[in-house]
Amino acid sequence: MLPVTMLIFAGAWQVPLFAATCTEGSTCVTVDGSGGAAMSKEQARESKEQWDETKSLRKKVNTRTEKEFDKQDRAIDDEEQCNDINNVNAYWEQSTRKCIDRKTGHRINL
């Protein structure tokens, strides 16, 4: 009985999603000449132009986010390697994200 109820609930939840119409604040663009709440051709052109102008900025933000993710991912891998290393003098320094030798204070290349 419970799985059937969950299925009905999931289906009922999606009904408003499919019934959505073009309302203020939505990204719906209709250029059929009927007017109404749809964007005019000029508004659609301006919206596309603005989208195109911000493309390079969005790309820079995505690239920066990806670089930060890769940096953190690499640090996690390096920390795991540092903790698994056989050298008893090795320890992971969180602030610099480096594996350090306790005796020399130098970085240990993993």
PDB file of N, CA and C in Angstrom:
ATOM      1  N   MET A   1       0.825  -1.189   0.000  1.00  0.00           N
ATOM      2  CA  MET A   1       0.000   0.000   0.000  1.00  0.00           C
ATOM      3  C   MET A   1       0.868   1.251   0.000  1.00  0.00           C
ATOM      4  N   LEU A   2       1.968   1.218   0.748  1.00  0.00           N
ATOM      5  CA  LEU A   2       2.845   2.380   0.849  1.00  0.00           C
ATOM      6  C   LEU A   2       3.489   2.734  -0.497  1.00  0.00           C
ATOM      7  N   PRO A   3       4.005   1.763  -1.272  1.00  0.00           N
ATOM      8  CA  PRO A   3       4.585   2.125  -2.569  1.00  0.00           C
ATOM      9  C   PRO A   3       3.573   2.763  -3.520  1.00  0.00           C
ATOM     10  N   VAL A   4       2.312   2.313  -3.483  1.00  0.00           N
ATOM     11  CA  VAL A   4       1.279   2.891  -4.345  1.00  0.00           C
ATOM     12  C   VAL A   4       1.028   4.338  -3.946  1.00  0.00           C
ATOM     13  N   THR A   5       0.972   4.604  -2.653  1.00  0.00           N
ATOM     14  CA  THR A   5       0.768   5.963  -2.157  1.00  0.00           C
ATOM     15  C   THR A   5       1.920   6.862  -2.577  1.00  0.00           C
ATOM     16  N   MET A   6       3.142   6.344  -2.477  1.00  0.00           N
ATOM     17  CA  MET A   6       4.318   7.130  -2.880  1.00  0.00           C
ATOM     18  C   MET A   6       4.261   7.438  -4.372  1.00  0.00           C
ATOM     19  N   LEU A   7       3.821   6.483  -5.178  1.00  0.00           N
ATOM     20  CA  LEU A   7       3.720   6.675  -6.617  1.00  0.00           C
ATOM     21  C   LEU A   7       2.688   7.739  -6.955  1.00  0.00           C
ATOM     22  N   ILE A   8       1.549   7.694  -6.286  1.00  0.00           N
ATOM     23  CA  ILE A   8       0.500   8.701  -6.515  1.00  0.00           C
ATOM     24  C   ILE A   8       0.996  10.072  -6.096  1.00  0.00           C
ATOM     25  N   PHE A   9       1.675  10.149  -4.955  1.00  0.00           N
ATOM     26  CA  PHE A   9       2.213  11.423  -4.479  1.00  0.00           C
ATOM     27  C   PHE A   9       3.229  11.986  -5.468  1.00  0.00           C
ATOM     28  N   ALA A  10       4.113  11.127  -5.988  1.00  0.00           N
ATOM     29  CA  ALA A  10       5.122  11.579  -6.949  1.00  0.00           C
ATOM     30  C   ALA A  10       4.464  12.086  -8.223  1.00  0.00           C
ATOM     31  N   GLY A  11       3.425  11.413  -8.685  1.00  0.00           N
ATOM     32  CA  GLY A  11       2.715  11.855  -9.888  1.00  0.00           C
ATOM     33  C   GLY A  11       1.975  13.155  -9.661  1.00  0.00           C
ATOM     34  N   ALA A  12       1.354  13.311  -8.491  1.00  0.00           N
ATOM     35  CA  ALA A  12       0.612  14.538  -8.179  1.00  0.00           C
ATOM     36  C   ALA A  12       1.551  15.718  -8.029  1.00  0.00           C
ATOM     37  N   TRP A  13       2.753  15.474  -7.567  1.00  0.00           N
ATOM     38  CA  TRP A  13       3.735  16.546  -7.392  1.00  0.00           C
ATOM     39  C   TRP A  13       4.166  17.123  -8.732  1.00  0.00           C
ATOM     40  N   GLN A  14       4.213  16.302  -9.762  1.00  0.00           N
ATOM     41  CA  GLN A  14       4.693  16.749 -11.061  1.00  0.00           C
ATOM     42  C   GLN A  14       3.619  17.404 -11.912  1.00  0.00           C
ATOM     43  N   VAL A  15       2.361  17.270 -11.576  1.00  0.00           N
ATOM     44  CA  VAL A  15       1.286  17.855 -12.376  1.00  0.00           C
ATOM     45  C   VAL A  15       1.447  19.359 -12.517  1.00  0.00           C
ATOM     46  N   PRO A  16       1.674  20.132 -11.439  1.00  0.00           N
ATOM     47  CA  PRO A  16       1.846  21.579 -11.608  1.00  0.00           C
ATOM     48  C   PRO A  16       3.054  21.926 -12.472  1.00  0.00           C
ATOM     49  N   LEU A  17       4.063  21.072 -12.447  1.00  0.00           N
ATOM     50  CA  LEU A  17       5.250  21.320 -13.254  1.00  0.00           C
ATOM     51  C   LEU A  17       4.918  21.308 -14.739  1.00  0.00           C
ATOM     52  N   PHE A  18       4.108  20.357 -15.163  1.00  0.00           N
ATOM     53  CA  PHE A  18       3.754  20.253 -16.573  1.00  0.00           C
ATOM     54  C   PHE A  18       2.674  21.253 -16.971  1.00  0.00           C
ATOM     55  N   ALA A  19       1.910  21.738 -16.007  1.00  0.00           N
ATOM     56  CA  ALA A  19       0.821  22.663 -16.301  1.00  0.00           C
ATOM     57  C   ALA A  19       1.273  24.117 -16.274  1.00  0.00           C
ATOM     58  N   ALA A  20       2.558  24.370 -16.013  1.00  0.00           N
ATOM     59  CA  ALA A  20       3.050  25.748 -15.907  1.00  0.00           C
ATOM     60  C   ALA A  20       2.892  26.481 -17.235  1.00  0.00           C
ATOM     61  N   THR A  21       2.487  27.736 -17.135  1.00  0.00           N
ATOM     62  CA  THR A  21       2.347  28.575 -18.317  1.00  0.00           C
ATOM     63  C   THR A  21       3.343  29.707 -18.217  1.00  0.00           C
ATOM     64  N   CYS A  22       3.398  30.516 -19.253  1.00  0.00           N
ATOM     65  CA  CYS A  22       4.309  31.659 -19.246  1.00  0.00           C
ATOM     66  C   CYS A  22       3.786  32.699 -18.266  1.00  0.00           C
ATOM     67  N   THR A  23       4.494  32.881 -17.177  1.00  0.00           N
ATOM     68  CA  THR A  23       4.126  33.882 -16.186  1.00  0.00           C
ATOM     69  C   THR A  23       5.301  34.816 -15.980  1.00  0.00           C
ATOM     70  N   GLU A  24       5.064  35.900 -15.296  1.00  0.00           N
ATOM     71  CA  GLU A  24       6.129  36.859 -15.053  1.00  0.00           C
ATOM     72  C   GLU A  24       7.235  36.185 -14.247  1.00  0.00           C
ATOM     73  N   GLY A  25       8.475  36.360 -14.674  1.00  0.00           N
ATOM     74  CA  GLY A  25       9.600  35.752 -13.993  1.00  0.00           C
ATOM     75  C   GLY A  25      10.025  34.428 -14.579  1.00  0.00           C
ATOM     76  N   SER A  26       9.218  33.856 -15.470  1.00  0.00           N
ATOM     77  CA  SER A  26       9.607  32.592 -16.078  1.00  0.00           C
ATOM     78  C   SER A  26      10.466  32.869 -17.308  1.00  0.00           C
ATOM     79  N   THR A  27      11.055  31.829 -17.858  1.00  0.00           N
ATOM     80  CA  THR A  27      11.920  31.989 -19.022  1.00  0.00           C
ATOM     81  C   THR A  27      11.230  31.567 -20.307  1.00  0.00           C
ATOM     82  N   CYS A  28       9.929  31.566 -20.315  1.00  0.00           N
ATOM     83  CA  CYS A  28       9.148  31.142 -21.464  1.00  0.00           C
ATOM     84  C   CYS A  28       9.159  32.241 -22.533  1.00  0.00           C
ATOM     85  N   VAL A  29       9.510  31.905 -23.757  1.00  0.00           N
ATOM     86  CA  VAL A  29       9.526  32.872 -24.857  1.00  0.00           C
ATOM     87  C   VAL A  29       8.674  32.319 -25.985  1.00  0.00           C
ATOM     88  N   THR A  30       7.636  33.052 -26.353  1.00  0.00           N
ATOM     89  CA  THR A  30       6.771  32.660 -27.454  1.00  0.00           C
ATOM     90  C   THR A  30       6.690  33.821 -28.419  1.00  0.00           C
ATOM     91  N   VAL A  31       7.076  33.580 -29.661  1.00  0.00           N
ATOM     92  CA  VAL A  31       7.011  34.636 -30.669  1.00  0.00           C
ATOM     93  C   VAL A  31       6.085  34.144 -31.770  1.00  0.00           C
ATOM     94  N   ASP A  32       4.791  34.288 -31.532  1.00  0.00           N
ATOM     95  CA  ASP A  32       3.818  33.847 -32.519  1.00  0.00           C
ATOM     96  C   ASP A  32       2.887  34.973 -32.934  1.00  0.00           C
ATOM     97  N   GLY A  33       3.135  36.178 -32.420  1.00  0.00           N
ATOM     98  CA  GLY A  33       2.324  37.320 -32.814  1.00  0.00           C
ATOM     99  C   GLY A  33       1.027  37.458 -32.060  1.00  0.00           C
ATOM    100  N   SER A  34       0.734  36.553 -31.131  1.00  0.00           N
ATOM    101  CA  SER A  34      -0.532  36.631 -30.412  1.00  0.00           C
ATOM    102  C   SER A  34      -0.469  37.585 -29.227  1.00  0.00           C
ATOM    103  N   GLY A  35       0.725  38.010 -28.847  1.00  0.00           N
ATOM    104  CA  GLY A  35       0.857  38.958 -27.737  1.00  0.00           C
ATOM    105  C   GLY A  35       0.650  38.276 -26.412  1.00  0.00           C
ATOM    106  N   GLY A  36      -0.144  38.882 -25.554  1.00  0.00           N
ATOM    107  CA  GLY A  36      -0.415  38.298 -24.247  1.00  0.00           C
ATOM    108  C   GLY A  36       0.793  38.426 -23.335  1.00  0.00           C
ATOM    109  N   ALA A  37       1.020  37.402 -22.532  1.00  0.00           N
ATOM    110  CA  ALA A  37       2.112  37.433 -21.570  1.00  0.00           C
ATOM    111  C   ALA A  37       3.442  37.034 -22.195  1.00  0.00           C
ATOM    112  N   ALA A  38       3.420  36.604 -23.443  1.00  0.00           N
ATOM    113  CA  ALA A  38       4.654  36.180 -24.093  1.00  0.00           C
ATOM    114  C   ALA A  38       5.520  37.387 -24.414  1.00  0.00           C
ATOM    115  N   MET A  39       6.827  37.149 -24.543  1.00  0.00           N
ATOM    116  CA  MET A  39       7.758  38.227 -24.867  1.00  0.00           C
ATOM    117  C   MET A  39       7.562  38.686 -26.301  1.00  0.00           C
ATOM    118  N   SER A  40       7.764  39.965 -26.505  1.00  0.00           N
ATOM    119  CA  SER A  40       7.725  40.465 -27.872  1.00  0.00           C
ATOM    120  C   SER A  40       9.025  40.074 -28.569  1.00  0.00           C
ATOM    121  N   LYS A  41       9.067  40.213 -29.869  1.00  0.00           N
ATOM    122  CA  LYS A  41      10.280  39.879 -30.618  1.00  0.00           C
ATOM    123  C   LYS A  41      11.449  40.722 -30.141  1.00  0.00           C
ATOM    124  N   GLU A  42      11.191  41.991 -29.857  1.00  0.00           N
ATOM    125  CA  GLU A  42      12.252  42.888 -29.397  1.00  0.00           C
ATOM    126  C   GLU A  42      12.770  42.463 -28.027  1.00  0.00           C
ATOM    127  N   GLN A  43      11.864  42.119 -27.124  1.00  0.00           N
ATOM    128  CA  GLN A  43      12.279  41.669 -25.798  1.00  0.00           C
ATOM    129  C   GLN A  43      13.071  40.369 -25.887  1.00  0.00           C
ATOM    130  N   ALA A  44      12.637  39.474 -26.765  1.00  0.00           N
ATOM    131  CA  ALA A  44      13.343  38.206 -26.943  1.00  0.00           C
ATOM    132  C   ALA A  44      14.738  38.447 -27.505  1.00  0.00           C
ATOM    133  N   ARG A  45      14.850  39.373 -28.462  1.00  0.00           N
ATOM    134  CA  ARG A  45      16.155  39.696 -29.045  1.00  0.00           C
ATOM    135  C   ARG A  45      17.079  40.294 -27.990  1.00  0.00           C
ATOM    136  N   GLU A  46      16.539  41.227 -27.186  1.00  0.00           N
ATOM    137  CA  GLU A  46      17.340  41.854 -26.134  1.00  0.00           C
ATOM    138  C   GLU A  46      17.776  40.832 -25.086  1.00  0.00           C
ATOM    139  N   SER A  47      16.881  39.920 -24.755  1.00  0.00           N
ATOM    140  CA  SER A  47      17.207  38.887 -23.785  1.00  0.00           C
ATOM    141  C   SER A  47      18.321  37.983 -24.314  1.00  0.00           C
ATOM    142  N   LYS A  48      18.224  37.599 -25.579  1.00  0.00           N
ATOM    143  CA  LYS A  48      19.257  36.761 -26.194  1.00  0.00           C
ATOM    144  C   LYS A  48      20.577  37.508 -26.261  1.00  0.00           C
ATOM    145  N   GLU A  49      20.521  38.787 -26.593  1.00  0.00           N
ATOM    146  CA  GLU A  49      21.730  39.607 -26.680  1.00  0.00           C
ATOM    147  C   GLU A  49      22.418  39.690 -25.315  1.00  0.00           C
ATOM    148  N   GLN A  50      21.622  39.905 -24.275  1.00  0.00           N
ATOM    149  CA  GLN A  50      22.183  39.976 -22.923  1.00  0.00           C
ATOM    150  C   GLN A  50      22.791  38.631 -22.526  1.00  0.00           C
ATOM    151  N   TRP A  51      22.113  37.555 -22.871  1.00  0.00           N
ATOM    152  CA  TRP A  51      22.619  36.208 -22.571  1.00  0.00           C
ATOM    153  C   TRP A  51      23.958  35.985 -23.257  1.00  0.00           C
ATOM    154  N   ASP A  52      24.053  36.386 -24.522  1.00  0.00           N
ATOM    155  CA  ASP A  52      25.292  36.220 -25.271  1.00  0.00           C
ATOM    156  C   ASP A  52      26.418  37.074 -24.691  1.00  0.00           C
ATOM    157  N   GLU A  53      26.084  38.292 -24.230  1.00  0.00           N
ATOM    158  CA  GLU A  53      27.103  39.183 -23.678  1.00  0.00           C
ATOM    159  C   GLU A  53      27.670  38.657 -22.361  1.00  0.00           C
ATOM    160  N   THR A  54      26.873  37.957 -21.604  1.00  0.00           N
ATOM    161  CA  THR A  54      27.341  37.441 -20.316  1.00  0.00           C
ATOM    162  C   THR A  54      27.943  36.040 -20.429  1.00  0.00           C
ATOM    163  N   LYS A  55      28.021  35.515 -21.637  1.00  0.00           N
ATOM    164  CA  LYS A  55      28.547  34.165 -21.835  1.00  0.00           C
ATOM    165  C   LYS A  55      29.989  34.044 -21.348  1.00  0.00           C
ATOM    166  N   SER A  56      30.844  35.007 -21.688  1.00  0.00           N
ATOM    167  CA  SER A  56      32.248  34.917 -21.281  1.00  0.00           C
ATOM    168  C   SER A  56      32.382  34.998 -19.760  1.00  0.00           C
ATOM    169  N   LEU A  57      31.561  35.832 -19.130  1.00  0.00           N
ATOM    170  CA  LEU A  57      31.597  35.928 -17.669  1.00  0.00           C
ATOM    171  C   LEU A  57      31.173  34.605 -17.032  1.00  0.00           C
ATOM    172  N   ARG A  58      30.110  33.998 -17.544  1.00  0.00           N
ATOM    173  CA  ARG A  58      29.664  32.704 -17.017  1.00  0.00           C
ATOM    174  C   ARG A  58      30.749  31.652 -17.199  1.00  0.00           C
ATOM    175  N   LYS A  59      31.434  31.701 -18.338  1.00  0.00           N
ATOM    176  CA  LYS A  59      32.500  30.734 -18.604  1.00  0.00           C
ATOM    177  C   LYS A  59      33.645  30.913 -17.609  1.00  0.00           C
ATOM    178  N   LYS A  60      34.009  32.172 -17.318  1.00  0.00           N
ATOM    179  CA  LYS A  60      35.077  32.439 -16.357  1.00  0.00           C
ATOM    180  C   LYS A  60      34.707  31.930 -14.970  1.00  0.00           C
ATOM    181  N   VAL A  61      33.473  32.174 -14.562  1.00  0.00           N
ATOM    182  CA  VAL A  61      33.014  31.716 -13.247  1.00  0.00           C
ATOM    183  C   VAL A  61      33.047  30.194 -13.187  1.00  0.00           C
ATOM    184  N   ASN A  62      32.574  29.533 -14.238  1.00  0.00           N
ATOM    185  CA  ASN A  62      32.575  28.068 -14.267  1.00  0.00           C
ATOM    186  C   ASN A  62      33.995  27.515 -14.249  1.00  0.00           C
ATOM    187  N   THR A  63      34.907  28.163 -14.981  1.00  0.00           N
ATOM    188  CA  THR A  63      36.299  27.721 -15.014  1.00  0.00           C
ATOM    189  C   THR A  63      36.931  27.861 -13.639  1.00  0.00           C
ATOM    190  N   ARG A  64      36.669  28.990 -12.990  1.00  0.00           N
ATOM    191  CA  ARG A  64      37.225  29.214 -11.648  1.00  0.00           C
ATOM    192  C   ARG A  64      36.683  28.186 -10.656  1.00  0.00           C
ATOM    193  N   THR A  65      35.398  27.923 -10.722  1.00  0.00           N
ATOM    194  CA  THR A  65      34.780  26.940  -9.833  1.00  0.00           C
ATOM    195  C   THR A  65      35.383  25.558 -10.070  1.00  0.00           C
ATOM    196  N   GLU A  66      35.585  25.225 -11.337  1.00  0.00           N
ATOM    197  CA  GLU A  66      36.171  23.928 -11.677  1.00  0.00           C
ATOM    198  C   GLU A  66      37.607  23.824 -11.166  1.00  0.00           C
ATOM    199  N   LYS A  67      38.386  24.903 -11.286  1.00  0.00           N
ATOM    200  CA  LYS A  67      39.763  24.897 -10.798  1.00  0.00           C
ATOM    201  C   LYS A  67      39.802  24.720  -9.282  1.00  0.00           C
ATOM    202  N   GLU A  68      38.907  25.406  -8.573  1.00  0.00           N
ATOM    203  CA  GLU A  68      38.842  25.270  -7.115  1.00  0.00           C
ATOM    204  C   GLU A  68      38.479  23.841  -6.720  1.00  0.00           C
ATOM    205  N   PHE A  69      37.527  23.254  -7.448  1.00  0.00           N
ATOM    206  CA  PHE A  69      37.133  21.879  -7.160  1.00  0.00           C
ATOM    207  C   PHE A  69      38.312  20.937  -7.380  1.00  0.00           C
ATOM    208  N   ASP A  70      39.018  21.103  -8.511  1.00  0.00           N
ATOM    209  CA  ASP A  70      40.168  20.248  -8.804  1.00  0.00           C
ATOM    210  C   ASP A  70      41.252  20.394  -7.739  1.00  0.00           C
ATOM    211  N   LYS A  71      41.459  21.625  -7.274  1.00  0.00           N
ATOM    212  CA  LYS A  71      42.465  21.899  -6.249  1.00  0.00           C
ATOM    213  C   LYS A  71      42.115  21.169  -4.948  1.00  0.00           C
ATOM    214  N   GLN A  72      40.860  21.247  -4.541  1.00  0.00           N
ATOM    215  CA  GLN A  72      40.427  20.574  -3.317  1.00  0.00           C
ATOM    216  C   GLN A  72      40.466  19.057  -3.476  1.00  0.00           C
ATOM    217  N   ASP A  73      40.089  18.581  -4.649  1.00  0.00           N
ATOM    218  CA  ASP A  73      40.107  17.148  -4.920  1.00  0.00           C
ATOM    219  C   ASP A  73      41.539  16.615  -4.855  1.00  0.00           C
ATOM    220  N   ARG A  74      42.473  17.357  -5.441  1.00  0.00           N
ATOM    221  CA  ARG A  74      43.882  16.975  -5.419  1.00  0.00           C
ATOM    222  C   ARG A  74      44.415  16.982  -3.986  1.00  0.00           C
ATOM    223  N   ALA A  75      44.006  17.976  -3.190  1.00  0.00           N
ATOM    224  CA  ALA A  75      44.453  18.062  -1.799  1.00  0.00           C
ATOM    225  C   ALA A  75      43.954  16.867  -0.988  1.00  0.00           C
ATOM    226  N   ILE A  76      42.737  16.440  -1.238  1.00  0.00           N
ATOM    227  CA  ILE A  76      42.194  15.272  -0.534  1.00  0.00           C
ATOM    228  C   ILE A  76      42.999  14.027  -0.886  1.00  0.00           C
ATOM    229  N   ASP A  77      43.302  13.861  -2.173  1.00  0.00           N
ATOM    230  CA  ASP A  77      44.106  12.710  -2.602  1.00  0.00           C
ATOM    231  C   ASP A  77      45.499  12.757  -1.983  1.00  0.00           C
ATOM    232  N   ASP A  78      46.120  13.947  -1.970  1.00  0.00           N
ATOM    233  CA  ASP A  78      47.458  14.094  -1.392  1.00  0.00           C
ATOM    234  C   ASP A  78      47.448  13.803   0.108  1.00  0.00           C
ATOM    235  N   GLU A  79      46.401  14.256   0.801  1.00  0.00           N
ATOM    236  CA  GLU A  79      46.300  14.005   2.242  1.00  0.00           C
ATOM    237  C   GLU A  79      46.194  12.507   2.512  1.00  0.00           C
ATOM    238  N   GLU A  80      45.403  11.815   1.720  1.00  0.00           N
ATOM    239  CA  GLU A  80      45.270  10.366   1.897  1.00  0.00           C
ATOM    240  C   GLU A  80      46.604   9.667   1.658  1.00  0.00           C
ATOM    241  N   GLN A  81      47.331  10.102   0.625  1.00  0.00           N
ATOM    242  CA  GLN A  81      48.640   9.507   0.345  1.00  0.00           C
ATOM    243  C   GLN A  81      49.622   9.801   1.474  1.00  0.00           C
ATOM    244  N   CYS A  82      49.579  11.019   1.991  1.00  0.00           N
ATOM    245  CA  CYS A  82      50.483  11.405   3.076  1.00  0.00           C
ATOM    246  C   CYS A  82      50.203  10.575   4.328  1.00  0.00           C
ATOM    247  N   ASN A  83      48.939  10.352   4.620  1.00  0.00           N
ATOM    248  CA  ASN A  83      48.577   9.567   5.803  1.00  0.00           C
ATOM    249  C   ASN A  83      48.900   8.087   5.631  1.00  0.00           C
ATOM    250  N   ASP A  84      48.952   7.614   4.387  1.00  0.00           N
ATOM    251  CA  ASP A  84      49.235   6.202   4.119  1.00  0.00           C
ATOM    252  C   ASP A  84      50.721   5.921   3.905  1.00  0.00           C
ATOM    253  N   ILE A  85      51.549   6.952   3.855  1.00  0.00           N
ATOM    254  CA  ILE A  85      52.971   6.785   3.549  1.00  0.00           C
ATOM    255  C   ILE A  85      53.671   6.070   4.716  1.00  0.00           C
ATOM    256  N   ASN A  86      54.729   5.342   4.408  1.00  0.00           N
ATOM    257  CA  ASN A  86      55.456   4.578   5.426  1.00  0.00           C
ATOM    258  C   ASN A  86      56.395   5.450   6.252  1.00  0.00           C
ATOM    259  N   ASN A  87      56.654   6.646   5.827  1.00  0.00           N
ATOM    260  CA  ASN A  87      57.555   7.554   6.532  1.00  0.00           C
ATOM    261  C   ASN A  87      56.866   8.046   7.813  1.00  0.00           C
ATOM    262  N   VAL A  88      57.409   7.673   8.972  1.00  0.00           N
ATOM    263  CA  VAL A  88      56.789   8.056  10.245  1.00  0.00           C
ATOM    264  C   VAL A  88      56.951   9.539  10.540  1.00  0.00           C
ATOM    265  N   ASN A  89      57.866  10.199   9.855  1.00  0.00           N
ATOM    266  CA  ASN A  89      58.086  11.627  10.075  1.00  0.00           C
ATOM    267  C   ASN A  89      57.185  12.497   9.202  1.00  0.00           C
ATOM    268  N   ALA A  90      56.369  11.889   8.384  1.00  0.00           N
ATOM    269  CA  ALA A  90      55.494  12.652   7.489  1.00  0.00           C
ATOM    270  C   ALA A  90      54.195  12.997   8.199  1.00  0.00           C
ATOM    271  N   TYR A  91      53.749  14.239   8.004  1.00  0.00           N
ATOM    272  CA  TYR A  91      52.443  14.646   8.524  1.00  0.00           C
ATOM    273  C   TYR A  91      51.797  15.611   7.546  1.00  0.00           C
ATOM    274  N   TRP A  92      50.483  15.665   7.578  1.00  0.00           N
ATOM    275  CA  TRP A  92      49.716  16.531   6.672  1.00  0.00           C
ATOM    276  C   TRP A  92      49.473  17.868   7.350  1.00  0.00           C
ATOM    277  N   GLU A  93      49.888  18.934   6.687  1.00  0.00           N
ATOM    278  CA  GLU A  93      49.651  20.279   7.197  1.00  0.00           C
ATOM    279  C   GLU A  93      48.440  20.849   6.469  1.00  0.00           C
ATOM    280  N   GLN A  94      47.352  21.002   7.196  1.00  0.00           N
ATOM    281  CA  GLN A  94      46.073  21.392   6.599  1.00  0.00           C
ATOM    282  C   GLN A  94      46.111  22.796   6.010  1.00  0.00           C
ATOM    283  N   SER A  95      46.769  23.733   6.684  1.00  0.00           N
ATOM    284  CA  SER A  95      46.730  25.127   6.224  1.00  0.00           C
ATOM    285  C   SER A  95      47.420  25.315   4.878  1.00  0.00           C
ATOM    286  N   THR A  96      48.489  24.556   4.630  1.00  0.00           N
ATOM    287  CA  THR A  96      49.201  24.690   3.351  1.00  0.00           C
ATOM    288  C   THR A  96      48.862  23.572   2.374  1.00  0.00           C
ATOM    289  N   ARG A  97      48.120  22.570   2.873  1.00  0.00           N
ATOM    290  CA  ARG A  97      47.750  21.409   2.057  1.00  0.00           C
ATOM    291  C   ARG A  97      48.985  20.692   1.507  1.00  0.00           C
ATOM    292  N   LYS A  98      49.958  20.474   2.391  1.00  0.00           N
ATOM    293  CA  LYS A  98      51.202  19.819   1.982  1.00  0.00           C
ATOM    294  C   LYS A  98      51.560  18.730   2.980  1.00  0.00           C
ATOM    295  N   CYS A  99      52.273  17.733   2.467  1.00  0.00           N
ATOM    296  CA  CYS A  99      52.812  16.672   3.301  1.00  0.00           C
ATOM    297  C   CYS A  99      54.219  17.114   3.713  1.00  0.00           C
ATOM    298  N   ILE A 100      54.455  17.252   5.022  1.00  0.00           N
ATOM    299  CA  ILE A 100      55.696  17.819   5.537  1.00  0.00           C
ATOM    300  C   ILE A 100      56.467  16.762   6.320  1.00  0.00           C
ATOM    301  N   ASP A 101      57.804  16.824   6.196  1.00  0.00           N
ATOM    302  CA  ASP A 101      58.691  15.975   6.982  1.00  0.00           C
ATOM    303  C   ASP A 101      58.937  16.667   8.322  1.00  0.00           C
ATOM    304  N   ARG A 102      58.681  15.968   9.434  1.00  0.00           N
ATOM    305  CA  ARG A 102      58.831  16.570  10.764  1.00  0.00           C
ATOM    306  C   ARG A 102      60.279  16.971  11.060  1.00  0.00           C
ATOM    307  N   LYS A 103      61.238  16.200  10.583  1.00  0.00           N
ATOM    308  CA  LYS A 103      62.647  16.473  10.892  1.00  0.00           C
ATOM    309  C   LYS A 103      63.172  17.689  10.140  1.00  0.00           C
ATOM    310  N   THR A 104      62.889  17.746   8.849  1.00  0.00           N
ATOM    311  CA  THR A 104      63.477  18.807   8.023  1.00  0.00           C
ATOM    312  C   THR A 104      62.537  19.982   7.806  1.00  0.00           C
ATOM    313  N   GLY A 105      61.243  19.753   7.896  1.00  0.00           N
ATOM    314  CA  GLY A 105      60.279  20.815   7.622  1.00  0.00           C
ATOM    315  C   GLY A 105      60.044  21.020   6.137  1.00  0.00           C
ATOM    316  N   HIS A 106      60.661  20.179   5.320  1.00  0.00           N
ATOM    317  CA  HIS A 106      60.505  20.280   3.868  1.00  0.00           C
ATOM    318  C   HIS A 106      59.302  19.475   3.413  1.00  0.00           C
ATOM    319  N   ARG A 107      58.824  19.853   2.272  1.00  0.00           N
ATOM    320  CA  ARG A 107      57.694  19.153   1.675  1.00  0.00           C
ATOM    321  C   ARG A 107      58.144  17.791   1.157  1.00  0.00           C
ATOM    322  N   ILE A 108      57.296  16.804   1.356  1.00  0.00           N
ATOM    323  CA  ILE A 108      57.552  15.462   0.833  1.00  0.00           C
ATOM    324  C   ILE A 108      56.761  15.326  -0.457  1.00  0.00           C
ATOM    325  N   ASN A 109      57.460  15.029  -1.534  1.00  0.00           N
ATOM    326  CA  ASN A 109      56.787  14.841  -2.826  1.00  0.00           C
ATOM    327  C   ASN A 109      56.156  13.463  -2.866  1.00  0.00           C
ATOM    328  N   LEU A 110      54.880  13.455  -3.161  1.00  0.00           N
ATOM    329  CA  LEU A 110      54.142  12.185  -3.194  1.00  0.00           C
ATOM    330  C   LEU A 110      54.082  11.627  -4.588  1.00  0.00           C
TER     331      LEU A 110
END
